[in-house]
Amino acid sequence: MVGRGRISVAGAVDLANCMVDDGMVQGAVQSFASLGCQNQYPANTERDLYRAIKGLFGLQLEPYTIWMNLQVTCQGFQILEFENTTVPILKCVI
């Protein structure tokens, strides 16, 4: 779910913690639940996930941004305004 953008890392950690609290003893679920110190520090969960992935698979995620020109408003098919914005992207470095 995290890799497809359906849930944030912190949300997935919350879900994993609920599963562990309900008695699930699967190692992968317990490892995920431990990210961000059992989500006591949700701002650290994503960082902890990147470190865990690097340790398990030797992969490193490298953040970068791209510039995109996005349509802000439209009326029917007439475009009224565009805005330049940055979008964060993670690239896998092997």
N, C-alpha and C. Protein backbone atom coordinates (compact mmCIF):
# COMPACT_ATOMS: atom_id res chain seq x y z
N MET A 1 0.81 -1.19 0.00
CA MET A 1 0.00 0.00 0.00
C MET A 1 0.86 1.26 0.00
N VAL A 2 1.98 1.24 0.72
CA VAL A 2 2.84 2.42 0.78
C VAL A 2 3.46 2.69 -0.57
N GLY A 3 3.97 1.65 -1.22
CA GLY A 3 4.64 1.80 -2.50
C GLY A 3 3.73 2.26 -3.62
N ARG A 4 2.45 2.07 -3.48
CA ARG A 4 1.50 2.49 -4.50
C ARG A 4 0.83 3.82 -4.16
N GLY A 5 1.23 4.44 -3.04
CA GLY A 5 0.70 5.74 -2.67
C GLY A 5 -0.68 5.71 -2.06
N ARG A 6 -1.14 4.55 -1.66
CA ARG A 6 -2.49 4.45 -1.08
C ARG A 6 -2.52 4.81 0.40
N ILE A 7 -1.35 4.80 1.05
CA ILE A 7 -1.28 5.12 2.48
C ILE A 7 0.11 5.67 2.76
N SER A 8 0.20 6.58 3.71
CA SER A 8 1.51 7.13 4.08
C SER A 8 2.27 6.10 4.91
N VAL A 9 3.57 6.31 5.05
CA VAL A 9 4.39 5.42 5.87
C VAL A 9 3.89 5.45 7.31
N ALA A 10 3.61 6.65 7.84
CA ALA A 10 3.13 6.77 9.23
C ALA A 10 1.79 6.05 9.39
N GLY A 11 0.91 6.14 8.40
CA GLY A 11 -0.37 5.44 8.47
C GLY A 11 -0.20 3.93 8.45
N ALA A 12 0.74 3.44 7.65
CA ALA A 12 1.00 2.01 7.59
C ALA A 12 1.61 1.51 8.90
N VAL A 13 2.43 2.35 9.53
CA VAL A 13 3.01 1.99 10.82
C VAL A 13 1.91 1.93 11.88
N ASP A 14 0.97 2.87 11.84
CA ASP A 14 -0.18 2.81 12.75
C ASP A 14 -0.94 1.50 12.58
N LEU A 15 -1.19 1.12 11.33
CA LEU A 15 -1.89 -0.12 11.05
C LEU A 15 -1.10 -1.33 11.55
N ALA A 16 0.20 -1.34 11.32
CA ALA A 16 1.05 -2.44 11.78
C ALA A 16 1.05 -2.52 13.31
N ASN A 17 1.07 -1.36 13.98
CA ASN A 17 1.02 -1.35 15.45
C ASN A 17 -0.30 -1.94 15.96
N CYS A 18 -1.40 -1.63 15.28
CA CYS A 18 -2.70 -2.21 15.67
C CYS A 18 -2.68 -3.72 15.51
N MET A 19 -2.06 -4.19 14.44
CA MET A 19 -1.98 -5.63 14.19
C MET A 19 -1.14 -6.32 15.27
N VAL A 20 -0.03 -5.68 15.65
CA VAL A 20 0.82 -6.24 16.71
C VAL A 20 0.08 -6.23 18.04
N ASP A 21 -0.64 -5.14 18.33
CA ASP A 21 -1.43 -5.07 19.57
C ASP A 21 -2.49 -6.15 19.63
N ASP A 22 -3.00 -6.56 18.45
CA ASP A 22 -4.01 -7.62 18.39
C ASP A 22 -3.40 -9.02 18.40
N GLY A 23 -2.07 -9.10 18.52
CA GLY A 23 -1.43 -10.40 18.69
C GLY A 23 -0.72 -10.96 17.47
N MET A 24 -0.60 -10.21 16.39
CA MET A 24 0.11 -10.72 15.22
C MET A 24 1.60 -10.75 15.52
N VAL A 25 2.22 -11.90 15.34
CA VAL A 25 3.62 -12.06 15.71
C VAL A 25 4.52 -12.24 14.48
N GLN A 26 4.03 -11.93 13.29
CA GLN A 26 4.83 -12.05 12.08
C GLN A 26 5.96 -11.03 12.12
N GLY A 27 7.18 -11.47 11.84
CA GLY A 27 8.35 -10.61 11.95
C GLY A 27 8.31 -9.37 11.10
N ALA A 28 7.82 -9.48 9.86
CA ALA A 28 7.77 -8.31 8.97
C ALA A 28 6.82 -7.25 9.51
N VAL A 29 5.69 -7.68 10.05
CA VAL A 29 4.72 -6.73 10.61
C VAL A 29 5.31 -6.06 11.84
N GLN A 30 5.97 -6.83 12.69
CA GLN A 30 6.59 -6.26 13.89
C GLN A 30 7.71 -5.29 13.53
N SER A 31 8.48 -5.62 12.50
CA SER A 31 9.54 -4.71 12.06
C SER A 31 8.96 -3.40 11.55
N PHE A 32 7.89 -3.49 10.76
CA PHE A 32 7.27 -2.29 10.24
C PHE A 32 6.66 -1.47 11.37
N ALA A 33 6.09 -2.14 12.36
CA ALA A 33 5.49 -1.45 13.50
C ALA A 33 6.53 -0.70 14.31
N SER A 34 7.78 -1.16 14.27
CA SER A 34 8.82 -0.54 15.09
C SER A 34 9.35 0.76 14.48
N LEU A 35 9.01 1.06 13.23
CA LEU A 35 9.50 2.29 12.59
C LEU A 35 9.02 3.51 13.37
N GLY A 36 9.89 4.50 13.49
CA GLY A 36 9.52 5.72 14.20
C GLY A 36 9.29 5.47 15.67
N CYS A 37 9.97 4.46 16.23
CA CYS A 37 9.84 4.11 17.64
C CYS A 37 8.37 3.83 17.97
N GLN A 38 7.80 2.83 17.24
CA GLN A 38 6.39 2.45 17.35
C GLN A 38 5.48 3.65 17.08
N ASN A 39 5.92 4.49 16.14
CA ASN A 39 5.18 5.67 15.68
C ASN A 39 5.01 6.73 16.76
N GLN A 40 5.85 6.66 17.80
CA GLN A 40 5.85 7.75 18.78
C GLN A 40 6.41 9.02 18.16
N TYR A 41 7.24 8.84 17.14
CA TYR A 41 7.84 9.95 16.41
C TYR A 41 7.50 9.79 14.93
N PRO A 42 6.27 10.11 14.53
CA PRO A 42 5.83 9.86 13.15
C PRO A 42 6.67 10.56 12.09
N ALA A 43 7.31 11.66 12.45
CA ALA A 43 8.16 12.35 11.47
C ALA A 43 9.38 11.52 11.10
N ASN A 44 9.74 10.54 11.93
CA ASN A 44 10.92 9.72 11.67
C ASN A 44 10.60 8.40 10.97
N THR A 45 9.32 8.08 10.78
CA THR A 45 8.97 6.77 10.24
C THR A 45 9.49 6.58 8.82
N GLU A 46 9.38 7.60 8.00
CA GLU A 46 9.84 7.47 6.62
C GLU A 46 11.36 7.31 6.57
N ARG A 47 12.07 8.09 7.36
CA ARG A 47 13.53 7.97 7.43
C ARG A 47 13.93 6.57 7.87
N ASP A 48 13.25 6.06 8.91
CA ASP A 48 13.55 4.71 9.40
C ASP A 48 13.28 3.65 8.34
N LEU A 49 12.22 3.84 7.55
CA LEU A 49 11.92 2.88 6.48
C LEU A 49 13.04 2.87 5.45
N TYR A 50 13.54 4.03 5.05
CA TYR A 50 14.62 4.09 4.07
C TYR A 50 15.87 3.39 4.60
N ARG A 51 16.15 3.59 5.87
CA ARG A 51 17.32 2.93 6.48
C ARG A 51 17.14 1.42 6.52
N ALA A 52 15.92 0.97 6.83
CA ALA A 52 15.65 -0.47 6.88
C ALA A 52 15.77 -1.08 5.50
N ILE A 53 15.27 -0.41 4.48
CA ILE A 53 15.36 -0.92 3.11
C ILE A 53 16.82 -1.01 2.68
N LYS A 54 17.61 -0.01 3.02
CA LYS A 54 19.02 -0.02 2.67
C LYS A 54 19.73 -1.18 3.36
N GLY A 55 19.40 -1.43 4.63
CA GLY A 55 20.02 -2.52 5.36
C GLY A 55 19.62 -3.90 4.85
N LEU A 56 18.36 -4.04 4.45
CA LEU A 56 17.87 -5.35 4.00
C LEU A 56 18.30 -5.68 2.58
N PHE A 57 18.16 -4.75 1.69
CA PHE A 57 18.35 -5.04 0.27
C PHE A 57 19.54 -4.32 -0.36
N GLY A 58 20.23 -3.49 0.40
CA GLY A 58 21.35 -2.74 -0.15
C GLY A 58 20.91 -1.64 -1.10
N LEU A 59 19.64 -1.26 -1.04
CA LEU A 59 19.12 -0.21 -1.89
C LEU A 59 19.17 1.12 -1.16
N GLN A 60 19.38 2.16 -1.91
CA GLN A 60 19.35 3.49 -1.31
C GLN A 60 18.38 4.34 -2.11
N LEU A 61 17.50 5.03 -1.41
CA LEU A 61 16.55 5.92 -2.05
C LEU A 61 17.12 7.33 -2.03
N GLU A 62 17.16 7.94 -3.19
CA GLU A 62 17.73 9.28 -3.31
C GLU A 62 16.61 10.27 -3.65
N PRO A 63 16.34 11.21 -2.77
CA PRO A 63 15.27 12.17 -3.05
C PRO A 63 15.74 13.26 -4.02
N TYR A 64 14.85 13.67 -4.88
CA TYR A 64 15.08 14.82 -5.74
C TYR A 64 13.73 15.41 -6.11
N THR A 65 13.73 16.57 -6.69
CA THR A 65 12.47 17.22 -7.06
C THR A 65 12.46 17.50 -8.55
N ILE A 66 11.26 17.52 -9.10
CA ILE A 66 11.09 17.92 -10.48
C ILE A 66 10.13 19.11 -10.51
N TRP A 67 10.29 19.97 -11.51
CA TRP A 67 9.41 21.12 -11.68
C TRP A 67 8.29 20.73 -12.62
N MET A 68 7.07 21.09 -12.26
CA MET A 68 5.92 20.83 -13.11
C MET A 68 5.09 22.10 -13.23
N ASN A 69 4.54 22.30 -14.40
CA ASN A 69 3.64 23.42 -14.65
C ASN A 69 2.22 22.88 -14.54
N LEU A 70 1.52 23.16 -13.44
CA LEU A 70 0.20 22.60 -13.18
C LEU A 70 -0.90 23.62 -13.42
N GLN A 71 -2.01 23.11 -13.92
CA GLN A 71 -3.18 23.96 -14.12
C GLN A 71 -3.84 24.22 -12.78
N VAL A 72 -4.03 25.47 -12.44
CA VAL A 72 -4.61 25.84 -11.15
C VAL A 72 -6.12 25.95 -11.25
N THR A 73 -6.61 26.65 -12.23
CA THR A 73 -8.05 26.83 -12.38
C THR A 73 -8.44 26.64 -13.84
N CYS A 74 -9.67 26.23 -14.05
CA CYS A 74 -10.17 26.14 -15.42
C CYS A 74 -11.68 26.38 -15.40
N GLN A 75 -12.17 26.82 -16.51
CA GLN A 75 -13.61 27.05 -16.65
C GLN A 75 -14.01 26.37 -17.96
N GLY A 76 -14.68 25.22 -17.82
CA GLY A 76 -14.98 24.46 -19.02
C GLY A 76 -13.68 23.93 -19.60
N PHE A 77 -13.38 24.34 -20.84
CA PHE A 77 -12.14 23.93 -21.48
C PHE A 77 -11.15 25.07 -21.60
N GLN A 78 -11.52 26.24 -21.11
CA GLN A 78 -10.63 27.39 -21.20
C GLN A 78 -9.72 27.42 -19.97
N ILE A 79 -8.42 27.33 -20.20
CA ILE A 79 -7.45 27.34 -19.11
C ILE A 79 -7.21 28.78 -18.68
N LEU A 80 -7.35 29.03 -17.39
CA LEU A 80 -7.23 30.39 -16.88
C LEU A 80 -5.87 30.69 -16.26
N GLU A 81 -5.24 29.69 -15.63
CA GLU A 81 -4.01 29.98 -14.91
C GLU A 81 -3.17 28.72 -14.76
N PHE A 82 -1.84 28.87 -14.82
CA PHE A 82 -0.89 27.79 -14.55
C PHE A 82 0.02 28.23 -13.42
N GLU A 83 0.55 27.26 -12.70
CA GLU A 83 1.47 27.56 -11.61
C GLU A 83 2.61 26.56 -11.64
N ASN A 84 3.84 27.04 -11.52
CA ASN A 84 5.00 26.16 -11.42
C ASN A 84 5.12 25.66 -10.00
N THR A 85 5.36 24.38 -9.84
CA THR A 85 5.51 23.81 -8.51
C THR A 85 6.53 22.68 -8.56
N THR A 86 7.05 22.30 -7.41
CA THR A 86 7.98 21.18 -7.36
C THR A 86 7.26 19.95 -6.81
N VAL A 87 7.68 18.80 -7.28
CA VAL A 87 7.10 17.53 -6.84
C VAL A 87 8.25 16.66 -6.35
N PRO A 88 8.18 16.16 -5.09
CA PRO A 88 9.26 15.31 -4.60
C PRO A 88 9.17 13.91 -5.20
N ILE A 89 10.32 13.37 -5.58
CA ILE A 89 10.43 12.06 -6.21
C ILE A 89 11.53 11.29 -5.48
N LEU A 90 11.36 9.98 -5.36
CA LEU A 90 12.39 9.11 -4.81
C LEU A 90 12.92 8.20 -5.91
N LYS A 91 14.23 8.21 -6.08
CA LYS A 91 14.87 7.37 -7.09
C LYS A 91 15.64 6.27 -6.35
N CYS A 92 15.53 5.03 -6.82
CA CYS A 92 16.24 3.92 -6.21
C CYS A 92 17.62 3.82 -6.81
N VAL A 93 18.65 3.88 -5.96
CA VAL A 93 20.03 3.79 -6.39
C VAL A 93 20.56 2.43 -5.94
N ILE A 94 21.02 1.63 -6.88
CA ILE A 94 21.51 0.27 -6.55
C ILE A 94 23.01 0.28 -6.45
